[in-house]
C-alpha atoms as a PDB file:
ATOM      1  CA  MET A   1     -74.709  24.653  36.319  1.00  0.00           C
ATOM      2  CA  ARG A   2     -78.368  24.344  35.314  1.00  0.00           C
ATOM      3  CA  LYS A   3     -77.518  25.572  31.790  1.00  0.00           C
ATOM      4  CA  LEU A   4     -74.878  22.847  31.463  1.00  0.00           C
ATOM      5  CA  ALA A   5     -77.369  20.175  32.529  1.00  0.00           C
ATOM      6  CA  ILE A   6     -79.934  21.405  30.009  1.00  0.00           C
ATOM      7  CA  LEU A   7     -77.279  21.566  27.291  1.00  0.00           C
ATOM      8  CA  GLY A   8     -76.239  18.009  28.138  1.00  0.00           C
ATOM      9  CA  LEU A   9     -79.830  16.782  27.859  1.00  0.00           C
ATOM     10  CA  LEU A  10     -80.261  18.539  24.510  1.00  0.00           C
ATOM     11  CA  LEU A  11     -77.048  17.018  23.171  1.00  0.00           C
ATOM     12  CA  ALA A  12     -78.101  13.566  24.365  1.00  0.00           C
ATOM     13  CA  ALA A  13     -81.553  13.912  22.757  1.00  0.00           C
ATOM     14  CA  THR A  14     -80.047  15.116  19.475  1.00  0.00           C
ATOM     15  CA  ALA A  15     -77.468  12.313  19.422  1.00  0.00           C
ATOM     16  CA  ALA A  16     -80.053   9.669  20.308  1.00  0.00           C
ATOM     17  CA  ASN A  17     -82.175  10.761  17.349  1.00  0.00           C
ATOM     18  CA  ALA A  18     -79.260  10.826  14.880  1.00  0.00           C
ATOM     19  CA  GLU A  19     -79.525   8.634  11.828  1.00  0.00           C
ATOM     20  CA  LYS A  20     -78.394   5.050  12.425  1.00  0.00           C
ATOM     21  CA  PRO A  21     -75.387   3.665  10.537  1.00  0.00           C
ATOM     22  CA  VAL A  22     -76.102   1.982   7.203  1.00  0.00           C
ATOM     23  CA  ASN A  23     -77.713  -1.485   7.461  1.00  0.00           C
ATOM     24  CA  PHE A  24     -78.048  -1.189  11.261  1.00  0.00           C
ATOM     25  CA  ILE A  25     -79.569  -4.295  12.882  1.00  0.00           C
ATOM     26  CA  ALA A  26     -80.281  -4.412  16.632  1.00  0.00           C
ATOM     27  CA  TYR A  27     -80.350  -8.056  17.719  1.00  0.00           C
ATOM     28  CA  ASP A  28     -81.212  -7.080  21.289  1.00  0.00           C
ATOM     29  CA  GLU A  29     -80.694  -4.066  23.558  1.00  0.00           C
ATOM     30  CA  GLY A  30     -76.965  -4.636  23.827  1.00  0.00           C
ATOM     31  CA  PHE A  31     -75.873  -6.183  20.537  1.00  0.00           C
ATOM     32  CA  ALA A  32     -76.088  -4.694  17.056  1.00  0.00           C
ATOM     33  CA  SER A  33     -74.252  -4.755  13.749  1.00  0.00           C
ATOM     34  CA  SER A  34     -73.970  -2.204  10.978  1.00  0.00           C
ATOM     35  CA  GLY A  35     -71.987  -0.762   8.157  1.00  0.00           C
ATOM     36  CA  GLN A  36     -69.481   2.042   8.710  1.00  0.00           C
ATOM     37  CA  PRO A  37     -70.762   4.617  11.222  1.00  0.00           C
ATOM     38  CA  THR A  38     -69.906   8.308  10.957  1.00  0.00           C
ATOM     39  CA  ALA A  39     -68.286  10.219  13.816  1.00  0.00           C
ATOM     40  CA  GLU A  40     -71.705  11.665  14.660  1.00  0.00           C
ATOM     41  CA  GLN A  41     -73.273   8.216  14.717  1.00  0.00           C
ATOM     42  CA  ILE A  42     -70.537   6.945  17.038  1.00  0.00           C
ATOM     43  CA  GLU A  43     -71.327   9.807  19.394  1.00  0.00           C
ATOM     44  CA  ALA A  44     -75.059   9.004  19.171  1.00  0.00           C
ATOM     45  CA  LEU A  45     -74.396   5.337  19.930  1.00  0.00           C
ATOM     46  CA  SER A  46     -72.566   6.353  23.113  1.00  0.00           C
ATOM     47  CA  TYR A  47     -75.740   8.113  24.309  1.00  0.00           C
ATOM     48  CA  GLN A  48     -77.786   5.036  23.405  1.00  0.00           C
ATOM     49  CA  GLY A  49     -75.857   2.836  25.824  1.00  0.00           C
ATOM     50  CA  TYR A  50     -73.337   1.183  23.524  1.00  0.00           C
ATOM     51  CA  GLU A  51     -69.972   0.686  25.223  1.00  0.00           C
ATOM     52  CA  ARG A  52     -67.829  -1.270  22.779  1.00  0.00           C
ATOM     53  CA  ILE A  53     -67.175  -1.134  19.043  1.00  0.00           C
ATOM     54  CA  VAL A  54     -65.732  -4.117  17.199  1.00  0.00           C
ATOM     55  CA  TYR A  55     -64.555  -3.249  13.694  1.00  0.00           C
ATOM     56  CA  LEU A  56     -64.094  -6.224  11.331  1.00  0.00           C
ATOM     57  CA  ALA A  57     -62.323  -4.569   8.401  1.00  0.00           C
ATOM     58  CA  PHE A  58     -59.106  -2.800   7.530  1.00  0.00           C
ATOM     59  CA  GLY A  59     -58.708   0.874   8.417  1.00  0.00           C
ATOM     60  CA  ASP A  60     -57.324   1.736   4.979  1.00  0.00           C
ATOM     61  CA  HIS A  61     -60.554   0.888   3.147  1.00  0.00           C
ATOM     62  CA  ASP A  62     -61.746   3.857   1.048  1.00  0.00           C
ATOM     63  CA  THR A  63     -64.961   4.146   3.101  1.00  0.00           C
ATOM     64  CA  SER A  64     -63.341   3.710   6.521  1.00  0.00           C
ATOM     65  CA  LEU A  65     -63.674   6.506   9.057  1.00  0.00           C
ATOM     66  CA  ALA A  66     -60.290   8.150   9.584  1.00  0.00           C
ATOM     67  CA  ASN A  67     -59.209   7.974  13.216  1.00  0.00           C
ATOM     68  CA  GLU A  68     -62.217   5.866  14.182  1.00  0.00           C
ATOM     69  CA  ASP A  69     -60.281   4.365  17.061  1.00  0.00           C
ATOM     70  CA  ARG A  70     -59.579   7.806  18.566  1.00  0.00           C
ATOM     71  CA  ILE A  71     -63.148   9.019  17.948  1.00  0.00           C
ATOM     72  CA  ALA A  72     -64.586   5.927  19.634  1.00  0.00           C
ATOM     73  CA  ARG A  73     -62.220   6.156  22.609  1.00  0.00           C
ATOM     74  CA  ASN A  74     -62.987   9.886  23.005  1.00  0.00           C
ATOM     75  CA  HIS A  75     -66.651   8.910  23.425  1.00  0.00           C
ATOM     76  CA  GLY A  76     -65.834   6.299  26.072  1.00  0.00           C
ATOM     77  CA  PHE A  77     -65.986   3.159  23.931  1.00  0.00           C
ATOM     78  CA  ASP A  78     -63.808   0.124  24.239  1.00  0.00           C
ATOM     79  CA  TYR A  79     -62.545  -0.241  20.670  1.00  0.00           C
ATOM     80  CA  VAL A  80     -61.319  -3.437  19.028  1.00  0.00           C
ATOM     81  CA  GLN A  81     -60.305  -3.834  15.410  1.00  0.00           C
ATOM     82  CA  LEU A  82     -60.135  -7.317  13.919  1.00  0.00           C
ATOM     83  CA  PRO A  83     -59.292  -6.942  10.217  1.00  0.00           C
ATOM     84  CA  VAL A  84     -60.997  -9.807   8.390  1.00  0.00           C
ATOM     85  CA  ILE A  85     -59.812 -10.354   4.813  1.00  0.00           C
ATOM     86  CA  TRP A  86     -62.892  -9.924   2.626  1.00  0.00           C
ATOM     87  CA  ASP A  87     -62.609 -13.041   0.488  1.00  0.00           C
ATOM     88  CA  LYS A  88     -60.801 -15.194   3.086  1.00  0.00           C
ATOM     89  CA  PRO A  89     -62.603 -15.131   6.426  1.00  0.00           C
ATOM     90  CA  SER A  90     -61.079 -17.718   8.736  1.00  0.00           C
ATOM     91  CA  TYR A  91     -62.096 -19.795  11.703  1.00  0.00           C
ATOM     92  CA  HIS A  92     -59.298 -18.059  13.640  1.00  0.00           C
ATOM     93  CA  ASP A  93     -61.013 -14.722  12.883  1.00  0.00           C
ATOM     94  CA  PHE A  94     -64.298 -16.065  14.240  1.00  0.00           C
ATOM     95  CA  ARG A  95     -62.668 -17.574  17.341  1.00  0.00           C
ATOM     96  CA  THR A  96     -60.983 -14.246  18.074  1.00  0.00           C
ATOM     97  CA  PHE A  97     -64.267 -12.402  17.556  1.00  0.00           C
ATOM     98  CA  ALA A  98     -66.116 -14.800  19.882  1.00  0.00           C
ATOM     99  CA  ALA A  99     -63.436 -14.327  22.560  1.00  0.00           C
ATOM    100  CA  ILE A 100     -63.819 -10.544  22.278  1.00  0.00           C
ATOM    101  CA  MET A 101     -67.587 -10.812  22.604  1.00  0.00           C
ATOM    102  CA  GLN A 102     -67.303 -13.149  25.608  1.00  0.00           C
ATOM    103  CA  SER A 103     -64.702 -11.003  27.378  1.00  0.00           C
ATOM    104  CA  SER A 104     -67.452  -8.812  28.852  1.00  0.00           C
ATOM    105  CA  ASP A 105     -71.167  -8.142  28.537  1.00  0.00           C
ATOM    106  CA  LYS A 106     -70.685  -4.618  27.266  1.00  0.00           C
ATOM    107  CA  ASN A 107     -73.290  -3.307  24.854  1.00  0.00           C
ATOM    108  CA  THR A 108     -71.584  -3.821  21.515  1.00  0.00           C
ATOM    109  CA  LEU A 109     -71.795  -2.557  17.964  1.00  0.00           C
ATOM    110  CA  VAL A 110     -70.027  -4.845  15.488  1.00  0.00           C
ATOM    111  CA  HIS A 111     -69.402  -3.203  12.143  1.00  0.00           C
ATOM    112  CA  CYS A 112     -67.547  -3.366   8.852  1.00  0.00           C
ATOM    113  CA  GLN A 113     -68.145  -1.299   5.713  1.00  0.00           C
ATOM    114  CA  VAL A 114     -71.721  -2.268   4.791  1.00  0.00           C
ATOM    115  CA  ASN A 115     -72.506  -4.972   7.397  1.00  0.00           C
ATOM    116  CA  TYR A 116     -71.635  -8.067   5.369  1.00  0.00           C
ATOM    117  CA  ARG A 117     -68.762  -9.305   7.546  1.00  0.00           C
ATOM    118  CA  ALA A 118     -70.370  -7.970  10.723  1.00  0.00           C
ATOM    119  CA  SER A 119     -73.812  -9.503  10.128  1.00  0.00           C
ATOM    120  CA  THR A 120     -72.200 -12.848   9.281  1.00  0.00           C
ATOM    121  CA  PHE A 121     -69.992 -12.922  12.376  1.00  0.00           C
ATOM    122  CA  SER A 122     -72.953 -11.763  14.468  1.00  0.00           C
ATOM    123  CA  MET A 123     -75.147 -14.496  12.984  1.00  0.00           C
ATOM    124  CA  LEU A 124     -72.569 -17.163  13.800  1.00  0.00           C
ATOM    125  CA  TYR A 125     -72.008 -15.823  17.319  1.00  0.00           C
ATOM    126  CA  ARG A 126     -75.734 -15.726  18.026  1.00  0.00           C
ATOM    127  CA  ILE A 127     -76.242 -19.305  16.806  1.00  0.00           C
ATOM    128  CA  ILE A 128     -73.183 -20.826  18.491  1.00  0.00           C
ATOM    129  CA  HIS A 129     -72.953 -18.837  21.724  1.00  0.00           C
ATOM    130  CA  GLN A 130     -76.466 -17.514  22.306  1.00  0.00           C
ATOM    131  CA  GLY A 131     -78.507 -20.477  21.072  1.00  0.00           C
ATOM    132  CA  VAL A 132     -80.451 -18.527  18.446  1.00  0.00           C
ATOM    133  CA  ASP A 133     -82.153 -20.694  15.829  1.00  0.00           C
ATOM    134  CA  VAL A 134     -80.257 -20.942  12.512  1.00  0.00           C
ATOM    135  CA  GLY A 135     -83.276 -19.782  10.506  1.00  0.00           C
ATOM    136  CA  ASP A 136     -83.936 -16.780  12.765  1.00  0.00           C
ATOM    137  CA  ALA A 137     -80.299 -15.689  12.741  1.00  0.00           C
ATOM    138  CA  LYS A 138     -80.063 -16.155   8.964  1.00  0.00           C
ATOM    139  CA  ASP A 139     -83.243 -14.076   8.472  1.00  0.00           C
ATOM    140  CA  ASP A 140     -81.563 -11.230  10.341  1.00  0.00           C
ATOM    141  CA  MET A 141     -78.397 -11.512   8.224  1.00  0.00           C
ATOM    142  CA  ASN A 142     -80.522 -11.614   5.060  1.00  0.00           C
ATOM    143  CA  GLN A 143     -81.875  -8.150   5.891  1.00  0.00           C
ATOM    144  CA  VAL A 144     -78.456  -7.036   4.650  1.00  0.00           C
ATOM    145  CA  TRP A 145     -77.214  -9.658   2.218  1.00  0.00           C
ATOM    146  CA  GLN A 146     -77.133 -13.185   0.858  1.00  0.00           C
ATOM    147  CA  PRO A 147     -73.546 -14.456   1.328  1.00  0.00           C
ATOM    148  CA  THR A 148     -71.222 -15.155  -1.571  1.00  0.00           C
ATOM    149  CA  GLU A 149     -69.915 -18.681  -2.075  1.00  0.00           C
ATOM    150  CA  ALA A 150     -66.772 -17.981  -0.023  1.00  0.00           C
ATOM    151  CA  TRP A 151     -68.827 -16.605   2.861  1.00  0.00           C
ATOM    152  CA  ARG A 152     -71.425 -19.378   2.645  1.00  0.00           C
ATOM    153  CA  ASN A 153     -68.629 -21.957   2.816  1.00  0.00           C
ATOM    154  CA  PHE A 154     -67.132 -20.096   5.783  1.00  0.00           C
ATOM    155  CA  ILE A 155     -70.503 -20.145   7.576  1.00  0.00           C
ATOM    156  CA  PHE A 156     -70.964 -23.873   6.897  1.00  0.00           C
ATOM    157  CA  SER A 157     -67.427 -24.623   8.093  1.00  0.00           C
ATOM    158  CA  VAL A 158     -67.756 -22.665  11.350  1.00  0.00           C
ATOM    159  CA  LEU A 159     -71.148 -24.161  12.153  1.00  0.00           C
ATOM    160  CA  ALA A 160     -69.887 -27.693  11.366  1.00  0.00           C
ATOM    161  CA  ARG A 161     -66.919 -27.194  13.740  1.00  0.00           C
ATOM    162  CA  HIS A 162     -69.495 -26.561  16.439  1.00  0.00           C
ATOM    163  CA  GLY A 163     -71.670 -29.530  15.454  1.00  0.00           C
ATOM    164  CA  ILE A 164     -74.453 -27.349  14.037  1.00  0.00           C
ATOM    165  CA  ASP A 165     -76.207 -28.050  10.741  1.00  0.00           C
ATOM    166  CA  ALA A 166     -76.756 -24.949   8.565  1.00  0.00           C
ATOM    167  CA  ALA A 167     -79.882 -26.452   7.011  1.00  0.00           C
ATOM    168  CA  CYS A 168     -83.232 -25.090   8.009  1.00  0.00           C
ATOM    169  CA  GLU A 169     -86.627 -25.276   6.368  1.00  0.00           C
ATOM    170  CA  ALA A 170     -86.682 -21.701   5.055  1.00  0.00           C
ATOM    171  CA  CYS A 171     -82.928 -21.247   4.522  1.00  0.00           C
ATOM    172  CA  ASP A 172     -81.836 -20.416   0.995  1.00  0.00           C
ATOM    173  CA  TRP A 173     -78.059 -20.728   0.838  1.00  0.00           C
ATOM    174  CA  THR A 174     -77.765 -19.961  -2.890  1.00  0.00           C
ATOM    175  CA  PRO A 175     -74.617 -17.823  -3.100  1.00  0.00           C
ATOM    176  CA  TRP A 176     -74.823 -14.192  -4.112  1.00  0.00           C
ATOM    177  CA  VAL A 177     -72.627 -13.348  -7.096  1.00  0.00           C
ATOM    178  CA  PRO A 178     -71.588  -9.684  -6.841  1.00  0.00           C
ATOM    179  CA  GLU A 179     -70.994  -7.540  -9.896  1.00  0.00           C
ATOM    180  CA  GLY A 180     -67.312  -6.806 -10.335  1.00  0.00           C
ATOM    181  CA  ASN A 181     -64.829  -7.481  -7.576  1.00  0.00           C
ATOM    182  CA  LYS A 182     -66.159  -5.394  -4.685  1.00  0.00           C
ATOM    183  CA  GLU A 183     -65.090  -5.637  -1.091  1.00  0.00           C
ATOM    184  CA  ASP A 184     -67.594  -5.113   1.740  1.00  0.00           C
END
């Protein structure tokens, strides 16, 4: 029995020290966003107190983790997939995401492929539902990316529907123009 306890502690320590998913941003102790985690990173996140994974992309993306839903559930996570079309995010998508986030206070990782969709939805959620300042939330999102025109317009539209102005003193909303036609 003692050997099992020691083994468990070693596994927990190893998992807790595992590399974070790409573009990982912890907004607070119970809310983070990132790009696609590996199976090992999902296991590590379970030891770090995360309880729910919200995936904002399609499972057939070439960088998606096969069987992510099963891997997450095997590690005790609640798992929700909300496939957001890359170049056509919608207010319905955001409303659904906000309802998921408000359904419980579980420690949550929101992710997509590289944290473009996830950081944007997280930014909007933090501004609208947590009262975070637009400039502060945008600074966090800008650790990962500067939104394209479609995503900037989506952000402006969602904020306007909630009576919030996207303007802030330090906010640069110049759209990013990606090379080629890449999807996050």
